[in-house]
Amino acid sequence: MKKESEADQLTRELTAFACFGELLHAKGGYRPSIAVSQDKNRMQLADLYDEAQEKRGDPRRANRY
């Protein structure tokens, strides 16, 4: 996984979450929907999210479009 600070920066830039940890632990089974075709930063955030959730044993993955 990339440095958390990169994940935090991307999360703040591209979502309404304050940090990557909030995105990972979002309540209610939330999974982010990320327009990965728009730019490489969105693809990177989706990849970081999926990787972190897999390491945690959480089945949630980013919805990519």
Protein backbone atom coordinates (compact mmCIF):
# COMPACT_ATOMS: atom_id res chain seq x y z
CA MET A 1 0.00 0.00 0.00
CA LYS A 2 1.17 3.55 -0.68
CA LYS A 3 1.97 5.84 2.22
CA GLU A 4 -1.15 6.67 4.15
CA SER A 5 -0.48 10.35 3.63
CA GLU A 6 -0.93 9.86 -0.13
CA ALA A 7 -4.15 7.95 0.50
CA ASP A 8 -5.34 10.69 2.85
CA GLN A 9 -4.50 13.40 0.32
CA LEU A 10 -6.37 11.61 -2.49
CA THR A 11 -9.32 10.97 -0.20
CA ARG A 12 -9.58 14.64 0.79
CA GLU A 13 -9.15 15.78 -2.82
CA LEU A 14 -11.62 13.36 -4.42
CA THR A 15 -14.25 12.57 -1.76
CA ALA A 16 -16.21 14.15 1.07
CA PHE A 17 -14.26 12.10 3.65
CA ALA A 18 -11.61 13.81 5.80
CA CYS A 19 -9.15 10.92 5.62
CA PHE A 20 -8.61 7.48 4.12
CA GLY A 21 -9.43 5.77 7.42
CA GLU A 22 -12.91 7.31 7.42
CA LEU A 23 -13.45 6.02 3.90
CA LEU A 24 -12.36 2.50 4.87
CA HIS A 25 -14.51 2.36 8.00
CA ALA A 26 -17.61 4.04 6.58
CA LYS A 27 -20.80 2.78 8.22
CA GLY A 28 -23.71 1.01 6.62
CA GLY A 29 -21.71 -1.11 4.19
CA TYR A 30 -20.77 2.00 2.21
CA ARG A 31 -18.59 1.44 -0.84
CA PRO A 32 -17.28 4.39 -2.82
CA SER A 33 -18.21 4.82 -6.47
CA ILE A 34 -15.19 6.21 -8.29
CA ALA A 35 -15.05 7.44 -11.88
CA VAL A 36 -11.72 5.78 -12.63
CA SER A 37 -11.88 6.73 -16.30
CA GLN A 38 -11.57 10.43 -15.41
CA ASP A 39 -7.94 10.43 -14.24
CA LYS A 40 -5.11 8.39 -12.76
CA ASN A 41 -5.63 9.78 -9.24
CA ARG A 42 -9.14 8.30 -9.09
CA MET A 43 -7.80 4.94 -10.28
CA GLN A 44 -5.09 5.12 -7.62
CA LEU A 45 -7.62 5.83 -4.87
CA ALA A 46 -9.80 2.91 -5.99
CA ASP A 47 -6.76 0.62 -6.03
CA LEU A 48 -5.67 1.78 -2.57
CA TYR A 49 -9.18 1.26 -1.22
CA ASP A 50 -9.48 -2.24 -2.66
CA GLU A 51 -6.03 -3.24 -1.42
CA ALA A 52 -6.66 -1.95 2.10
CA GLN A 53 -10.06 -3.64 2.34
CA GLU A 54 -8.58 -6.93 1.11
CA LYS A 55 -5.83 -6.75 3.74
CA ARG A 56 -8.50 -6.12 6.40
CA GLY A 57 -10.52 -9.12 5.24
CA ASP A 58 -13.40 -6.83 4.28
CA PRO A 59 -15.24 -7.90 1.11
CA ARG A 60 -16.11 -4.32 0.07
CA ARG A 61 -14.47 -2.99 -3.07
CA ALA A 62 -14.80 0.32 -4.87
CA ASN A 63 -17.50 0.56 -7.51
CA ARG A 64 -15.61 1.62 -10.61
CA TYR A 65 -17.09 3.31 -13.62
